[in-house]
Full PDB file with SEQRES, HELIX, SHEET, SSBOND, CRYST1, ORIGX, SCALE, CONECT and MASTER records, all heavy atoms in Angstrom:
SEQRES   1 A   39  ALA GLY VAL ALA VAL VAL LEU SER LEU GLY ALA VAL ILE          
SEQRES   2 A   39  THR VAL GLY ALA PHE LEU PRO SER ALA ALA LEU VAL LEU          
SEQRES   3 A   39  ALA LEU CYS LEU LEU VAL ALA GLY VAL VAL SER PRO TRP          
HELIX    1 AA1 GLY A    2  GLY A   16  1                                  15    
HELIX    2 AA2 PRO A   20  LEU A   31  1                                  12    
HELIX    3 AA3 VAL A   32  VAL A   36  3                                   5    
CRYST1    1.000    1.000    1.000  90.00  90.00  90.00 P 1           1          
ORIGX1      1.000000  0.000000  0.000000        0.00000                         
ORIGX2      0.000000  1.000000  0.000000        0.00000                         
ORIGX3      0.000000  0.000000  1.000000        0.00000                         
SCALE1      1.000000  0.000000  0.000000        0.00000                         
SCALE2      0.000000  1.000000  0.000000        0.00000                         
SCALE3      0.000000  0.000000  1.000000        0.00000                         
ATOM      1  N   ALA A   1     101.400 105.331 102.191  1.00  0.00           N  
ATOM      2  CA  ALA A   1     100.853 105.785 103.422  1.00  0.00           C  
ATOM      3  C   ALA A   1     101.695 106.823 104.081  1.00  0.00           C  
ATOM      4  O   ALA A   1     101.233 107.753 104.626  1.00  0.00           O  
ATOM      5  CB  ALA A   1     100.731 104.570 104.355  1.00  0.00           C  
ATOM      6  N   GLY A   2     102.981 106.630 103.999  1.00  0.00           N  
ATOM      7  CA  GLY A   2     103.986 107.653 104.593  1.00  0.00           C  
ATOM      8  C   GLY A   2     103.835 108.932 103.850  1.00  0.00           C  
ATOM      9  O   GLY A   2     103.898 110.055 104.441  1.00  0.00           O  
ATOM     10  N   VAL A   3     103.576 108.977 102.480  1.00  0.00           N  
ATOM     11  CA  VAL A   3     103.596 110.174 101.745  1.00  0.00           C  
ATOM     12  C   VAL A   3     102.207 110.907 102.159  1.00  0.00           C  
ATOM     13  O   VAL A   3     102.174 112.044 102.397  1.00  0.00           O  
ATOM     14  CB  VAL A   3     103.452 109.852 100.251  1.00  0.00           C  
ATOM     15  CG1 VAL A   3     103.004 111.057  99.434  1.00  0.00           C  
ATOM     16  CG2 VAL A   3     104.904 109.372  99.768  1.00  0.00           C  
ATOM     17  N   ALA A   4     101.164 110.125 102.398  1.00  0.00           N  
ATOM     18  CA  ALA A   4      99.910 110.755 102.855  1.00  0.00           C  
ATOM     19  C   ALA A   4     100.016 111.312 104.180  1.00  0.00           C  
ATOM     20  O   ALA A   4      99.416 112.380 104.378  1.00  0.00           O  
ATOM     21  CB  ALA A   4      98.868 109.516 102.795  1.00  0.00           C  
ATOM     22  N   VAL A   5     100.743 110.743 105.147  1.00  0.00           N  
ATOM     23  CA  VAL A   5     100.875 111.308 106.411  1.00  0.00           C  
ATOM     24  C   VAL A   5     101.702 112.574 106.267  1.00  0.00           C  
ATOM     25  O   VAL A   5     101.328 113.605 106.934  1.00  0.00           O  
ATOM     26  CB  VAL A   5     101.605 110.292 107.337  1.00  0.00           C  
ATOM     27  CG1 VAL A   5     102.101 110.951 108.662  1.00  0.00           C  
ATOM     28  CG2 VAL A   5     100.721 109.173 107.670  1.00  0.00           C  
ATOM     29  N   VAL A   6     102.798 112.586 105.506  1.00  0.00           N  
ATOM     30  CA  VAL A   6     103.669 113.864 105.410  1.00  0.00           C  
ATOM     31  C   VAL A   6     102.832 114.894 104.705  1.00  0.00           C  
ATOM     32  O   VAL A   6     102.835 116.048 105.203  1.00  0.00           O  
ATOM     33  CB  VAL A   6     104.859 113.514 104.544  1.00  0.00           C  
ATOM     34  CG1 VAL A   6     105.538 114.812 104.175  1.00  0.00           C  
ATOM     35  CG2 VAL A   6     105.826 112.538 105.352  1.00  0.00           C  
ATOM     36  N   LEU A   7     102.048 114.665 103.695  1.00  0.00           N  
ATOM     37  CA  LEU A   7     101.278 115.730 103.047  1.00  0.00           C  
ATOM     38  C   LEU A   7     100.168 116.189 103.882  1.00  0.00           C  
ATOM     39  O   LEU A   7      99.741 117.321 103.909  1.00  0.00           O  
ATOM     40  CB  LEU A   7     100.931 115.315 101.668  1.00  0.00           C  
ATOM     41  CG  LEU A   7     102.049 115.242 100.601  1.00  0.00           C  
ATOM     42  CD1 LEU A   7     101.420 114.915  99.306  1.00  0.00           C  
ATOM     43  CD2 LEU A   7     102.504 116.671 100.413  1.00  0.00           C  
ATOM     44  N   SER A   8      99.564 115.269 104.543  1.00  0.00           N  
ATOM     45  CA  SER A   8      98.393 115.619 105.454  1.00  0.00           C  
ATOM     46  C   SER A   8      98.905 116.628 106.590  1.00  0.00           C  
ATOM     47  O   SER A   8      98.333 117.661 106.786  1.00  0.00           O  
ATOM     48  CB  SER A   8      97.713 114.399 106.093  1.00  0.00           C  
ATOM     49  OG  SER A   8      97.220 113.612 105.211  1.00  0.00           O  
ATOM     50  N   LEU A   9     100.010 116.261 107.148  1.00  0.00           N  
ATOM     51  CA  LEU A   9     100.657 117.192 108.151  1.00  0.00           C  
ATOM     52  C   LEU A   9     100.930 118.630 107.562  1.00  0.00           C  
ATOM     53  O   LEU A   9     100.734 119.680 108.067  1.00  0.00           O  
ATOM     54  CB  LEU A   9     101.863 116.552 108.750  1.00  0.00           C  
ATOM     55  CG  LEU A   9     101.547 115.461 109.807  1.00  0.00           C  
ATOM     56  CD1 LEU A   9     102.984 114.848 110.227  1.00  0.00           C  
ATOM     57  CD2 LEU A   9     100.855 115.944 110.875  1.00  0.00           C  
ATOM     58  N   GLY A  10     101.523 118.535 106.373  1.00  0.00           N  
ATOM     59  CA  GLY A  10     101.848 119.798 105.588  1.00  0.00           C  
ATOM     60  C   GLY A  10     100.684 120.547 105.317  1.00  0.00           C  
ATOM     61  O   GLY A  10     100.663 121.829 105.453  1.00  0.00           O  
ATOM     62  N   ALA A  11      99.509 119.927 104.800  1.00  0.00           N  
ATOM     63  CA  ALA A  11      98.344 120.720 104.572  1.00  0.00           C  
ATOM     64  C   ALA A  11      97.819 121.283 105.840  1.00  0.00           C  
ATOM     65  O   ALA A  11      97.203 122.447 105.769  1.00  0.00           O  
ATOM     66  CB  ALA A  11      97.403 119.697 103.904  1.00  0.00           C  
ATOM     67  N   VAL A  12      97.773 120.537 106.938  1.00  0.00           N  
ATOM     68  CA  VAL A  12      97.190 121.134 108.079  1.00  0.00           C  
ATOM     69  C   VAL A  12      97.943 122.208 108.553  1.00  0.00           C  
ATOM     70  O   VAL A  12      97.413 123.261 109.057  1.00  0.00           O  
ATOM     71  CB  VAL A  12      97.039 119.897 109.179  1.00  0.00           C  
ATOM     72  CG1 VAL A  12      96.713 120.571 110.662  1.00  0.00           C  
ATOM     73  CG2 VAL A  12      95.961 118.896 108.776  1.00  0.00           C  
ATOM     74  N   ILE A  13      99.286 122.138 108.483  1.00  0.00           N  
ATOM     75  CA  ILE A  13     100.081 123.336 108.959  1.00  0.00           C  
ATOM     76  C   ILE A  13      99.889 124.540 108.061  1.00  0.00           C  
ATOM     77  O   ILE A  13      99.875 125.605 108.566  1.00  0.00           O  
ATOM     78  CB  ILE A  13     101.585 122.805 109.025  1.00  0.00           C  
ATOM     79  CG1 ILE A  13     101.777 121.764 110.152  1.00  0.00           C  
ATOM     80  CG2 ILE A  13     102.469 124.118 109.178  1.00  0.00           C  
ATOM     81  CD1 ILE A  13     103.098 121.144 110.223  1.00  0.00           C  
ATOM     82  N   THR A  14      99.851 124.250 106.748  1.00  0.00           N  
ATOM     83  CA  THR A  14      99.603 125.393 105.825  1.00  0.00           C  
ATOM     84  C   THR A  14      98.413 126.075 105.935  1.00  0.00           C  
ATOM     85  O   THR A  14      98.309 127.251 106.087  1.00  0.00           O  
ATOM     86  CB  THR A  14      99.844 124.886 104.384  1.00  0.00           C  
ATOM     87  OG1 THR A  14     101.088 124.279 104.213  1.00  0.00           O  
ATOM     88  CG2 THR A  14      99.664 126.034 103.379  1.00  0.00           C  
ATOM     89  N   VAL A  15      97.289 125.331 106.064  1.00  0.00           N  
ATOM     90  CA  VAL A  15      95.998 125.914 106.320  1.00  0.00           C  
ATOM     91  C   VAL A  15      95.846 126.621 107.646  1.00  0.00           C  
ATOM     92  O   VAL A  15      95.309 127.553 107.751  1.00  0.00           O  
ATOM     93  CB  VAL A  15      94.928 124.791 106.172  1.00  0.00           C  
ATOM     94  CG1 VAL A  15      93.500 125.275 106.538  1.00  0.00           C  
ATOM     95  CG2 VAL A  15      94.761 124.346 104.692  1.00  0.00           C  
ATOM     96  N   GLY A  16      96.576 125.971 108.736  1.00  0.00           N  
ATOM     97  CA  GLY A  16      96.585 126.532 109.988  1.00  0.00           C  
ATOM     98  C   GLY A  16      97.242 127.879 110.000  1.00  0.00           C  
ATOM     99  O   GLY A  16      96.996 128.681 110.955  1.00  0.00           O  
ATOM    100  N   ALA A  17      98.179 128.123 109.267  1.00  0.00           N  
ATOM    101  CA  ALA A  17      98.947 129.347 109.205  1.00  0.00           C  
ATOM    102  C   ALA A  17      97.951 130.643 108.737  1.00  0.00           C  
ATOM    103  O   ALA A  17      98.095 131.676 109.157  1.00  0.00           O  
ATOM    104  CB  ALA A  17     100.046 129.307 108.184  1.00  0.00           C  
ATOM    105  N   PHE A  18      96.898 130.134 107.947  1.00  0.00           N  
ATOM    106  CA  PHE A  18      95.978 131.159 107.470  1.00  0.00           C  
ATOM    107  C   PHE A  18      94.641 131.170 108.402  1.00  0.00           C  
ATOM    108  O   PHE A  18      94.184 132.306 108.691  1.00  0.00           O  
ATOM    109  CB  PHE A  18      95.586 130.831 106.107  1.00  0.00           C  
ATOM    110  CG  PHE A  18      96.673 131.027 105.126  1.00  0.00           C  
ATOM    111  CD1 PHE A  18      97.241 129.897 104.572  1.00  0.00           C  
ATOM    112  CD2 PHE A  18      97.111 132.238 104.701  1.00  0.00           C  
ATOM    113  CE1 PHE A  18      98.402 129.984 103.634  1.00  0.00           C  
ATOM    114  CE2 PHE A  18      98.150 132.396 103.858  1.00  0.00           C  
ATOM    115  CZ  PHE A  18      98.726 131.147 103.312  1.00  0.00           C  
ATOM    116  N   LEU A  19      94.181 130.073 108.804  1.00  0.00           N  
ATOM    117  CA  LEU A  19      92.902 129.982 109.527  1.00  0.00           C  
ATOM    118  C   LEU A  19      92.928 128.693 110.318  1.00  0.00           C  
ATOM    119  O   LEU A  19      92.722 127.583 109.892  1.00  0.00           O  
ATOM    120  CB  LEU A  19      91.739 129.891 108.472  1.00  0.00           C  
ATOM    121  CG  LEU A  19      90.394 130.100 109.121  1.00  0.00           C  
ATOM    122  CD1 LEU A  19      90.162 131.290 109.829  1.00  0.00           C  
ATOM    123  CD2 LEU A  19      89.333 129.931 108.095  1.00  0.00           C  
ATOM    124  N   PRO A  20      93.245 128.913 111.640  1.00  0.00           N  
ATOM    125  CA  PRO A  20      93.381 127.614 112.546  1.00  0.00           C  
ATOM    126  C   PRO A  20      92.084 126.773 112.633  1.00  0.00           C  
ATOM    127  O   PRO A  20      92.232 125.637 112.790  1.00  0.00           O  
ATOM    128  CB  PRO A  20      93.819 128.374 113.944  1.00  0.00           C  
ATOM    129  CG  PRO A  20      94.407 129.543 113.624  1.00  0.00           C  
ATOM    130  CD  PRO A  20      93.744 130.061 112.332  1.00  0.00           C  
ATOM    131  N   SER A  21      90.968 127.444 112.639  1.00  0.00           N  
ATOM    132  CA  SER A  21      89.752 126.637 112.714  1.00  0.00           C  
ATOM    133  C   SER A  21      89.661 125.732 111.555  1.00  0.00           C  
ATOM    134  O   SER A  21      89.149 124.596 111.638  1.00  0.00           O  
ATOM    135  CB  SER A  21      88.563 127.556 112.864  1.00  0.00           C  
ATOM    136  OG  SER A  21      88.445 128.501 111.838  1.00  0.00           O  
ATOM    137  N   ALA A  22      89.963 126.233 110.355  1.00  0.00           N  
ATOM    138  CA  ALA A  22      89.922 125.358 109.199  1.00  0.00           C  
ATOM    139  C   ALA A  22      90.867 124.220 109.191  1.00  0.00           C  
ATOM    140  O   ALA A  22      90.580 123.110 108.677  1.00  0.00           O  
ATOM    141  CB  ALA A  22      90.204 126.294 107.880  1.00  0.00           C  
ATOM    142  N   ALA A  23      92.075 124.599 109.824  1.00  0.00           N  
ATOM    143  CA  ALA A  23      93.083 123.468 109.957  1.00  0.00           C  
ATOM    144  C   ALA A  23      92.477 122.342 110.839  1.00  0.00           C  
ATOM    145  O   ALA A  23      92.751 121.200 110.677  1.00  0.00           O  
ATOM    146  CB  ALA A  23      94.362 124.122 110.533  1.00  0.00           C  
ATOM    147  N   LEU A  24      91.804 122.747 111.913  1.00  0.00           N  
ATOM    148  CA  LEU A  24      91.279 121.684 112.824  1.00  0.00           C  
ATOM    149  C   LEU A  24      90.211 120.952 112.056  1.00  0.00           C  
ATOM    150  O   LEU A  24      90.190 119.625 112.190  1.00  0.00           O  
ATOM    151  CB  LEU A  24      90.598 122.486 113.999  1.00  0.00           C  
ATOM    152  CG  LEU A  24      89.928 121.457 114.981  1.00  0.00           C  
ATOM    153  CD1 LEU A  24      90.971 120.590 115.666  1.00  0.00           C  
ATOM    154  CD2 LEU A  24      89.301 122.346 116.110  1.00  0.00           C  
ATOM    155  N   VAL A  25      89.318 121.514 111.291  1.00  0.00           N  
ATOM    156  CA  VAL A  25      88.349 120.783 110.451  1.00  0.00           C  
ATOM    157  C   VAL A  25      89.010 119.869 109.542  1.00  0.00           C  
ATOM    158  O   VAL A  25      88.616 118.714 109.317  1.00  0.00           O  
ATOM    159  CB  VAL A  25      87.413 121.745 109.889  1.00  0.00           C  
ATOM    160  CG1 VAL A  25      86.487 121.010 108.830  1.00  0.00           C  
ATOM    161  CG2 VAL A  25      86.630 122.548 110.823  1.00  0.00           C  
ATOM    162  N   LEU A  26      90.093 120.358 108.822  1.00  0.00           N  
ATOM    163  CA  LEU A  26      90.815 119.599 107.817  1.00  0.00           C  
ATOM    164  C   LEU A  26      91.533 118.317 108.595  1.00  0.00           C  
ATOM    165  O   LEU A  26      91.447 117.187 108.003  1.00  0.00           O  
ATOM    166  CB  LEU A  26      91.976 120.503 107.167  1.00  0.00           C  
ATOM    167  CG  LEU A  26      92.779 119.635 106.152  1.00  0.00           C  
ATOM    168  CD1 LEU A  26      92.013 119.121 105.084  1.00  0.00           C  
ATOM    169  CD2 LEU A  26      93.895 120.670 105.634  1.00  0.00           C  
ATOM    170  N   ALA A  27      92.058 118.602 109.690  1.00  0.00           N  
ATOM    171  CA  ALA A  27      92.736 117.440 110.498  1.00  0.00           C  
ATOM    172  C   ALA A  27      91.737 116.380 110.770  1.00  0.00           C  
ATOM    173  O   ALA A  27      91.923 115.265 110.598  1.00  0.00           O  
ATOM    174  CB  ALA A  27      93.380 117.893 111.758  1.00  0.00           C  
ATOM    175  N   LEU A  28      90.573 116.950 111.271  1.00  0.00           N  
ATOM    176  CA  LEU A  28      89.509 115.819 111.683  1.00  0.00           C  
ATOM    177  C   LEU A  28      89.027 115.125 110.365  1.00  0.00           C  
ATOM    178  O   LEU A  28      88.787 113.876 110.384  1.00  0.00           O  
ATOM    179  CB  LEU A  28      88.337 116.515 112.289  1.00  0.00           C  
ATOM    180  CG  LEU A  28      88.547 117.068 113.698  1.00  0.00           C  
ATOM    181  CD1 LEU A  28      87.324 117.902 114.231  1.00  0.00           C  
ATOM    182  CD2 LEU A  28      88.747 116.000 114.663  1.00  0.00           C  
ATOM    183  N   CYS A  29      88.789 115.800 109.314  1.00  0.00           N  
ATOM    184  CA  CYS A  29      88.384 115.097 108.016  1.00  0.00           C  
ATOM    185  C   CYS A  29      89.470 114.145 107.567  1.00  0.00           C  
ATOM    186  O   CYS A  29      89.225 113.059 107.137  1.00  0.00           O  
ATOM    187  CB  CYS A  29      88.069 116.060 106.878  1.00  0.00           C  
ATOM    188  SG  CYS A  29      86.667 117.051 107.191  1.00  0.00           S  
ATOM    189  N   LEU A  30      90.827 114.620 107.642  1.00  0.00           N  
ATOM    190  CA  LEU A  30      91.805 113.556 107.274  1.00  0.00           C  
ATOM    191  C   LEU A  30      91.922 112.414 108.097  1.00  0.00           C  
ATOM    192  O   LEU A  30      92.178 111.309 107.766  1.00  0.00           O  
ATOM    193  CB  LEU A  30      93.157 114.323 107.294  1.00  0.00           C  
ATOM    194  CG  LEU A  30      93.274 115.446 106.094  1.00  0.00           C  
ATOM    195  CD1 LEU A  30      94.489 116.232 106.335  1.00  0.00           C  
ATOM    196  CD2 LEU A  30      93.372 114.702 104.675  1.00  0.00           C  
ATOM    197  N   LEU A  31      91.681 112.589 109.412  1.00  0.00           N  
ATOM    198  CA  LEU A  31      91.626 111.456 110.363  1.00  0.00           C  
ATOM    199  C   LEU A  31      90.481 110.481 109.987  1.00  0.00           C  
ATOM    200  O   LEU A  31      90.689 109.192 110.055  1.00  0.00           O  
ATOM    201  CB  LEU A  31      91.475 111.850 111.811  1.00  0.00           C  
ATOM    202  CG  LEU A  31      92.805 112.446 112.461  1.00  0.00           C  
ATOM    203  CD1 LEU A  31      92.576 112.889 113.795  1.00  0.00           C  
ATOM    204  CD2 LEU A  31      93.811 111.306 112.560  1.00  0.00           C  
ATOM    205  N   VAL A  32      89.355 111.074 109.646  1.00  0.00           N  
ATOM    206  CA  VAL A  32      88.243 110.208 109.364  1.00  0.00           C  
ATOM    207  C   VAL A  32      88.448 109.441 108.103  1.00  0.00           C  
ATOM    208  O   VAL A  32      88.320 108.232 107.966  1.00  0.00           O  
ATOM    209  CB  VAL A  32      86.943 111.020 109.260  1.00  0.00           C  
ATOM    210  CG1 VAL A  32      85.799 110.252 108.633  1.00  0.00           C  
ATOM    211  CG2 VAL A  32      86.484 111.522 110.667  1.00  0.00           C  
ATOM    212  N   ALA A  33      88.996 110.127 107.030  1.00  0.00           N  
ATOM    213  CA  ALA A  33      89.183 109.529 105.746  1.00  0.00           C  
ATOM    214  C   ALA A  33      90.380 108.648 105.716  1.00  0.00           C  
ATOM    215  O   ALA A  33      90.401 107.648 105.071  1.00  0.00           O  
ATOM    216  CB  ALA A  33      89.452 110.593 104.679  1.00  0.00           C  
ATOM    217  N   GLY A  34      91.387 108.966 106.593  1.00  0.00           N  
ATOM    218  CA  GLY A  34      92.737 108.231 106.466  1.00  0.00           C  
ATOM    219  C   GLY A  34      92.761 107.118 107.495  1.00  0.00           C  
ATOM    220  O   GLY A  34      93.732 106.235 107.361  1.00  0.00           O  
ATOM    221  N   VAL A  35      92.078 107.201 108.672  1.00  0.00           N  
ATOM    222  CA  VAL A  35      92.351 106.230 109.762  1.00  0.00           C  
ATOM    223  C   VAL A  35      91.001 105.506 110.074  1.00  0.00           C  
ATOM    224  O   VAL A  35      90.837 104.356 109.989  1.00  0.00           O  
ATOM    225  CB  VAL A  35      92.783 106.924 110.968  1.00  0.00           C  
ATOM    226  CG1 VAL A  35      93.003 106.006 112.197  1.00  0.00           C  
ATOM    227  CG2 VAL A  35      94.222 107.635 110.686  1.00  0.00           C  
ATOM    228  N   VAL A  36      90.008 106.279 110.387  1.00  0.00           N  
ATOM    229  CA  VAL A  36      88.602 105.673 110.820  1.00  0.00           C  
ATOM    230  C   VAL A  36      88.036 104.879 109.737  1.00  0.00           C  
ATOM    231  O   VAL A  36      87.671 103.769 109.896  1.00  0.00           O  
ATOM    232  CB  VAL A  36      87.721 106.802 111.364  1.00  0.00           C  
ATOM    233  CG1 VAL A  36      86.367 106.187 111.698  1.00  0.00           C  
ATOM    234  CG2 VAL A  36      88.267 107.443 112.487  1.00  0.00           C  
ATOM    235  N   SER A  37      87.902 105.465 108.503  1.00  0.00           N  
ATOM    236  CA  SER A  37      87.373 104.781 107.335  1.00  0.00           C  
ATOM    237  C   SER A  37      88.022 103.440 106.957  1.00  0.00           C  
ATOM    238  O   SER A  37      87.398 102.415 106.972  1.00  0.00           O  
ATOM    239  CB  SER A  37      87.219 105.681 106.207  1.00  0.00           C  
ATOM    240  OG  SER A  37      86.625 105.006 105.156  1.00  0.00           O  
ATOM    241  N   PRO A  38      89.348 103.461 106.832  1.00  0.00           N  
ATOM    242  CA  PRO A  38      90.033 102.197 106.486  1.00  0.00           C  
ATOM    243  C   PRO A  38      89.842 101.169 107.702  1.00  0.00           C  
ATOM    244  O   PRO A  38      89.682  99.861 107.420  1.00  0.00           O  
ATOM    245  CB  PRO A  38      91.520 102.581 106.325  1.00  0.00           C  
ATOM    246  CG  PRO A  38      91.498 104.031 105.959  1.00  0.00           C  
ATOM    247  CD  PRO A  38      90.290 104.587 106.733  1.00  0.00           C  
ATOM    248  N   TRP A  39      89.890 101.541 108.941  1.00  0.00           N  
ATOM    249  CA  TRP A  39      89.794 100.694 110.123  1.00  0.00           C  
ATOM    250  C   TRP A  39      88.417  99.967 109.967  1.00  0.00           C  
ATOM    251  O   TRP A  39      88.201  98.828 110.151  1.00  0.00           O  
ATOM    252  CB  TRP A  39      90.001 101.445 111.367  1.00  0.00           C  
ATOM    253  CG  TRP A  39      89.770 100.556 112.587  1.00  0.00           C  
ATOM    254  CD1 TRP A  39      90.506  99.595 113.057  1.00  0.00           C  
ATOM    255  CD2 TRP A  39      88.602 100.591 113.437  1.00  0.00           C  
ATOM    256  NE1 TRP A  39      90.036  98.955 114.138  1.00  0.00           N  
ATOM    257  CE2 TRP A  39      88.756  99.624 114.450  1.00  0.00           C  
ATOM    258  CE3 TRP A  39      87.452 101.459 113.480  1.00  0.00           C  
ATOM    259  CZ2 TRP A  39      87.834  99.364 115.437  1.00  0.00           C  
ATOM    260  CZ3 TRP A  39      86.570 101.222 114.523  1.00  0.00           C  
ATOM    261  CH2 TRP A  39      86.745 100.181 115.391  1.00  0.00           C  
TER     262      TRP A  39                                                      
MASTER        0    0    0    3    0    0    0    6  261    1    0    3          
END                                                                             
């Protein structure tokens, strides 16, 4: 879980450097897949 959090943040930051709107979509998808769905 710790690894997933670190890599998710890294992925969002990396994508955000190229296209901030895509980073926002990625962050929402990761929240749904990693937090909402398990809950």
